[in-house]
N, C-alpha and C. Protein backbone atom coordinates (compact mmCIF):
# COMPACT_ATOMS: atom_id res chain seq x y z
N MET A 1 0.85 -1.18 0.00
CA MET A 1 0.00 0.00 0.00
C MET A 1 0.89 1.23 0.00
N ALA A 2 0.51 2.20 -0.79
CA ALA A 2 1.20 3.49 -0.85
C ALA A 2 0.35 4.53 -0.13
N ILE A 3 1.02 5.48 0.48
CA ILE A 3 0.32 6.53 1.21
C ILE A 3 0.69 7.87 0.59
N LEU A 4 -0.30 8.69 0.37
CA LEU A 4 -0.11 10.06 -0.06
C LEU A 4 -0.55 10.93 1.11
N LEU A 5 0.37 11.73 1.63
CA LEU A 5 0.07 12.61 2.75
C LEU A 5 0.10 14.04 2.21
N VAL A 6 -1.01 14.76 2.42
CA VAL A 6 -1.16 16.11 1.89
C VAL A 6 -1.53 17.05 3.03
N ARG A 7 -0.83 18.20 3.09
CA ARG A 7 -1.18 19.25 4.05
C ARG A 7 -1.41 20.53 3.28
N HIS A 8 -2.57 21.14 3.52
CA HIS A 8 -2.82 22.44 2.91
C HIS A 8 -3.78 23.27 3.74
N LYS A 9 -3.80 24.55 3.44
CA LYS A 9 -4.73 25.48 4.09
C LYS A 9 -5.90 25.69 3.13
N VAL A 10 -7.06 25.94 3.71
CA VAL A 10 -8.24 26.22 2.92
C VAL A 10 -8.88 27.50 3.43
N ALA A 11 -9.61 28.16 2.55
CA ALA A 11 -10.28 29.40 2.94
C ALA A 11 -11.42 29.13 3.92
N ASP A 12 -12.15 28.03 3.68
CA ASP A 12 -13.31 27.69 4.51
C ASP A 12 -13.45 26.17 4.54
N TYR A 13 -13.31 25.57 5.71
CA TYR A 13 -13.32 24.12 5.82
C TYR A 13 -14.62 23.51 5.27
N ASP A 14 -15.77 24.06 5.64
CA ASP A 14 -17.04 23.47 5.20
C ASP A 14 -17.17 23.48 3.69
N GLN A 15 -16.76 24.56 3.05
CA GLN A 15 -16.80 24.61 1.58
C GLN A 15 -15.86 23.57 1.00
N TRP A 16 -14.63 23.52 1.52
CA TRP A 16 -13.65 22.55 1.04
C TRP A 16 -14.18 21.13 1.22
N ARG A 17 -14.76 20.84 2.37
CA ARG A 17 -15.23 19.48 2.68
C ARG A 17 -16.33 19.04 1.72
N SER A 18 -17.19 19.95 1.31
CA SER A 18 -18.25 19.57 0.36
C SER A 18 -17.63 19.14 -0.97
N PHE A 19 -16.59 19.82 -1.43
CA PHE A 19 -15.90 19.41 -2.65
C PHE A 19 -15.21 18.06 -2.44
N TYR A 20 -14.53 17.91 -1.31
CA TYR A 20 -13.79 16.68 -1.03
C TYR A 20 -14.74 15.47 -1.02
N ASP A 21 -15.86 15.60 -0.33
CA ASP A 21 -16.81 14.50 -0.25
C ASP A 21 -17.40 14.16 -1.61
N ARG A 22 -17.67 15.17 -2.40
CA ARG A 22 -18.27 14.98 -3.72
C ARG A 22 -17.32 14.27 -4.68
N ASP A 23 -16.00 14.43 -4.49
CA ASP A 23 -15.03 13.89 -5.44
C ASP A 23 -14.47 12.53 -5.04
N GLY A 24 -15.13 11.84 -4.13
CA GLY A 24 -14.67 10.52 -3.71
C GLY A 24 -14.60 9.52 -4.84
N GLU A 25 -15.55 9.55 -5.74
CA GLU A 25 -15.56 8.60 -6.84
C GLU A 25 -14.36 8.82 -7.77
N MET A 26 -13.98 10.08 -7.96
CA MET A 26 -12.82 10.38 -8.80
C MET A 26 -11.55 9.78 -8.17
N ARG A 27 -11.43 9.88 -6.85
CA ARG A 27 -10.27 9.29 -6.16
C ARG A 27 -10.30 7.77 -6.27
N ARG A 28 -11.45 7.16 -6.02
CA ARG A 28 -11.56 5.69 -6.09
C ARG A 28 -11.22 5.17 -7.49
N ALA A 29 -11.72 5.85 -8.52
CA ALA A 29 -11.45 5.43 -9.90
C ALA A 29 -9.96 5.52 -10.23
N ALA A 30 -9.24 6.40 -9.54
CA ALA A 30 -7.80 6.58 -9.79
C ALA A 30 -6.95 5.62 -8.97
N GLY A 31 -7.55 4.85 -8.06
CA GLY A 31 -6.79 3.87 -7.28
C GLY A 31 -6.71 4.16 -5.80
N CYS A 32 -7.41 5.19 -5.32
CA CYS A 32 -7.42 5.48 -3.89
C CYS A 32 -8.31 4.45 -3.18
N THR A 33 -7.77 3.86 -2.12
CA THR A 33 -8.51 2.80 -1.42
C THR A 33 -9.07 3.25 -0.08
N GLY A 34 -8.77 4.48 0.34
CA GLY A 34 -9.30 4.99 1.60
C GLY A 34 -8.59 6.28 1.99
N THR A 35 -9.25 7.04 2.85
CA THR A 35 -8.65 8.29 3.31
C THR A 35 -8.92 8.48 4.80
N HIS A 36 -8.14 9.37 5.40
CA HIS A 36 -8.34 9.77 6.79
C HIS A 36 -8.00 11.26 6.85
N LEU A 37 -8.97 12.06 7.30
CA LEU A 37 -8.80 13.51 7.37
C LEU A 37 -8.44 13.95 8.78
N PHE A 38 -7.61 14.98 8.85
CA PHE A 38 -7.24 15.60 10.11
C PHE A 38 -7.34 17.12 9.95
N ARG A 39 -7.67 17.80 11.06
CA ARG A 39 -7.65 19.26 11.09
C ARG A 39 -6.72 19.70 12.21
N ASN A 40 -5.98 20.76 11.96
CA ASN A 40 -5.11 21.33 12.97
C ASN A 40 -5.99 21.83 14.11
N ALA A 41 -5.71 21.41 15.34
CA ALA A 41 -6.52 21.80 16.49
C ALA A 41 -6.48 23.30 16.74
N ASN A 42 -5.40 23.96 16.31
CA ASN A 42 -5.27 25.40 16.52
C ASN A 42 -5.64 26.22 15.29
N ASP A 43 -5.82 25.58 14.17
CA ASP A 43 -6.21 26.25 12.92
C ASP A 43 -7.08 25.30 12.12
N PRO A 44 -8.40 25.32 12.31
CA PRO A 44 -9.28 24.34 11.66
C PRO A 44 -9.32 24.43 10.13
N ASN A 45 -8.71 25.46 9.55
CA ASN A 45 -8.63 25.55 8.10
C ASN A 45 -7.31 24.99 7.56
N GLU A 46 -6.51 24.38 8.42
CA GLU A 46 -5.33 23.64 7.97
C GLU A 46 -5.69 22.16 8.01
N ILE A 47 -5.60 21.52 6.86
CA ILE A 47 -6.07 20.15 6.69
C ILE A 47 -4.88 19.24 6.39
N ILE A 48 -4.90 18.05 6.97
CA ILE A 48 -3.94 17.00 6.62
C ILE A 48 -4.75 15.79 6.20
N ILE A 49 -4.41 15.26 5.03
CA ILE A 49 -5.16 14.14 4.46
C ILE A 49 -4.22 12.97 4.26
N ASN A 50 -4.57 11.83 4.80
CA ASN A 50 -3.85 10.58 4.59
C ASN A 50 -4.68 9.78 3.58
N LEU A 51 -4.14 9.63 2.38
CA LEU A 51 -4.85 8.89 1.32
C LEU A 51 -4.08 7.60 1.03
N GLN A 52 -4.76 6.46 1.11
CA GLN A 52 -4.15 5.18 0.80
C GLN A 52 -4.41 4.87 -0.68
N TRP A 53 -3.37 4.37 -1.35
CA TRP A 53 -3.46 4.08 -2.78
C TRP A 53 -3.01 2.66 -3.07
N ASP A 54 -3.47 2.16 -4.19
CA ASP A 54 -3.04 0.83 -4.62
C ASP A 54 -1.60 0.86 -5.12
N SER A 55 -1.10 2.03 -5.55
CA SER A 55 0.31 2.16 -5.97
C SER A 55 0.73 3.63 -5.95
N VAL A 56 2.01 3.85 -5.78
CA VAL A 56 2.55 5.21 -5.83
C VAL A 56 2.33 5.80 -7.22
N GLU A 57 2.47 4.97 -8.24
CA GLU A 57 2.28 5.44 -9.61
C GLU A 57 0.89 6.02 -9.82
N ASN A 58 -0.14 5.36 -9.29
CA ASN A 58 -1.50 5.87 -9.46
C ASN A 58 -1.71 7.16 -8.66
N ALA A 59 -1.10 7.26 -7.49
CA ALA A 59 -1.18 8.50 -6.71
C ALA A 59 -0.52 9.64 -7.47
N GLU A 60 0.64 9.37 -8.07
CA GLU A 60 1.34 10.40 -8.84
C GLU A 60 0.52 10.83 -10.06
N LYS A 61 -0.10 9.87 -10.75
CA LYS A 61 -0.95 10.20 -11.90
C LYS A 61 -2.12 11.07 -11.47
N PHE A 62 -2.73 10.72 -10.34
CA PHE A 62 -3.86 11.49 -9.83
C PHE A 62 -3.45 12.93 -9.59
N LEU A 63 -2.32 13.13 -8.93
CA LEU A 63 -1.87 14.48 -8.64
C LEU A 63 -1.46 15.26 -9.88
N ALA A 64 -1.07 14.56 -10.93
CA ALA A 64 -0.68 15.23 -12.18
C ALA A 64 -1.88 15.64 -13.02
N ASP A 65 -3.07 15.16 -12.68
CA ASP A 65 -4.28 15.46 -13.45
C ASP A 65 -4.69 16.92 -13.24
N PRO A 66 -4.75 17.72 -14.31
CA PRO A 66 -5.16 19.12 -14.18
C PRO A 66 -6.55 19.28 -13.54
N ALA A 67 -7.42 18.31 -13.73
CA ALA A 67 -8.76 18.40 -13.13
C ALA A 67 -8.68 18.41 -11.61
N VAL A 68 -7.73 17.70 -11.04
CA VAL A 68 -7.55 17.67 -9.58
C VAL A 68 -7.17 19.06 -9.09
N HIS A 69 -6.27 19.71 -9.78
CA HIS A 69 -5.83 21.05 -9.37
C HIS A 69 -6.96 22.07 -9.54
N GLN A 70 -7.78 21.88 -10.56
CA GLN A 70 -8.92 22.78 -10.75
C GLN A 70 -9.92 22.64 -9.61
N VAL A 71 -10.20 21.41 -9.19
CA VAL A 71 -11.13 21.18 -8.08
C VAL A 71 -10.55 21.76 -6.79
N MET A 72 -9.25 21.58 -6.57
CA MET A 72 -8.62 22.14 -5.36
C MET A 72 -8.79 23.66 -5.33
N GLN A 73 -8.58 24.29 -6.46
CA GLN A 73 -8.73 25.75 -6.52
C GLN A 73 -10.18 26.15 -6.25
N GLN A 74 -11.13 25.47 -6.87
CA GLN A 74 -12.54 25.77 -6.66
C GLN A 74 -12.96 25.53 -5.22
N ALA A 75 -12.33 24.55 -4.57
CA ALA A 75 -12.68 24.21 -3.19
C ALA A 75 -12.12 25.21 -2.19
N GLY A 76 -11.20 26.07 -2.63
CA GLY A 76 -10.66 27.09 -1.75
C GLY A 76 -9.32 26.77 -1.13
N VAL A 77 -8.55 25.86 -1.75
CA VAL A 77 -7.20 25.58 -1.25
C VAL A 77 -6.35 26.83 -1.46
N ILE A 78 -5.62 27.19 -0.42
CA ILE A 78 -4.77 28.39 -0.44
C ILE A 78 -3.32 27.97 -0.63
N GLY A 79 -2.66 28.53 -1.62
CA GLY A 79 -1.25 28.24 -1.85
C GLY A 79 -1.01 26.83 -2.34
N GLN A 80 0.26 26.44 -2.28
CA GLN A 80 0.66 25.11 -2.72
C GLN A 80 0.62 24.14 -1.54
N PRO A 81 0.04 22.96 -1.73
CA PRO A 81 0.03 21.97 -0.65
C PRO A 81 1.41 21.35 -0.45
N ASP A 82 1.65 20.89 0.75
CA ASP A 82 2.82 20.05 1.02
C ASP A 82 2.40 18.62 0.76
N ILE A 83 3.21 17.88 0.00
CA ILE A 83 2.83 16.53 -0.42
C ILE A 83 3.99 15.58 -0.17
N TRP A 84 3.67 14.41 0.41
CA TRP A 84 4.65 13.36 0.64
C TRP A 84 4.08 12.03 0.13
N PHE A 85 4.92 11.25 -0.54
CA PHE A 85 4.59 9.88 -0.91
C PHE A 85 5.30 8.98 0.08
N LEU A 86 4.56 8.12 0.76
CA LEU A 86 5.11 7.30 1.83
C LEU A 86 4.82 5.82 1.59
N ASP A 87 5.71 4.98 2.09
CA ASP A 87 5.47 3.54 2.14
C ASP A 87 5.12 3.18 3.58
N ASP A 88 4.15 2.31 3.75
CA ASP A 88 3.76 1.85 5.08
C ASP A 88 4.86 0.98 5.66
N ALA A 89 5.42 1.41 6.78
CA ALA A 89 6.50 0.66 7.43
C ALA A 89 6.00 -0.15 8.63
N GLY A 90 4.68 -0.22 8.81
CA GLY A 90 4.11 -1.03 9.87
C GLY A 90 3.64 -0.20 11.07
N ARG A 91 2.90 -0.86 11.93
CA ARG A 91 2.35 -0.24 13.14
C ARG A 91 3.08 -0.76 14.36
N THR A 92 3.07 0.05 15.41
CA THR A 92 3.64 -0.37 16.69
C THR A 92 2.57 -0.22 17.75
N PRO A 93 2.67 -0.94 18.87
CA PRO A 93 1.62 -0.86 19.89
C PRO A 93 1.57 0.49 20.59
N SER A 94 2.65 1.25 20.60
CA SER A 94 2.62 2.57 21.23
C SER A 94 3.75 3.43 20.72
């Protein structure tokens, strides 16, 4: 499993979330197998998204799609997101 970790600021969380929820099918069709959202406790308009993918290649293709960037802009993403491609190295009990 490949992980795509994204951090970005948004103008309005509720507006952004409506776009995010609506575009789930686009993510699934591109190979996303699940997501987990986080909000900064001190800045609720700073979002961190953990997206699980079937492959790093599919995650990279998804991010290269101009339609994805257009939706991000329409959703109110501010500036450039921080993006990391990660490999799952396992879980620990604590």
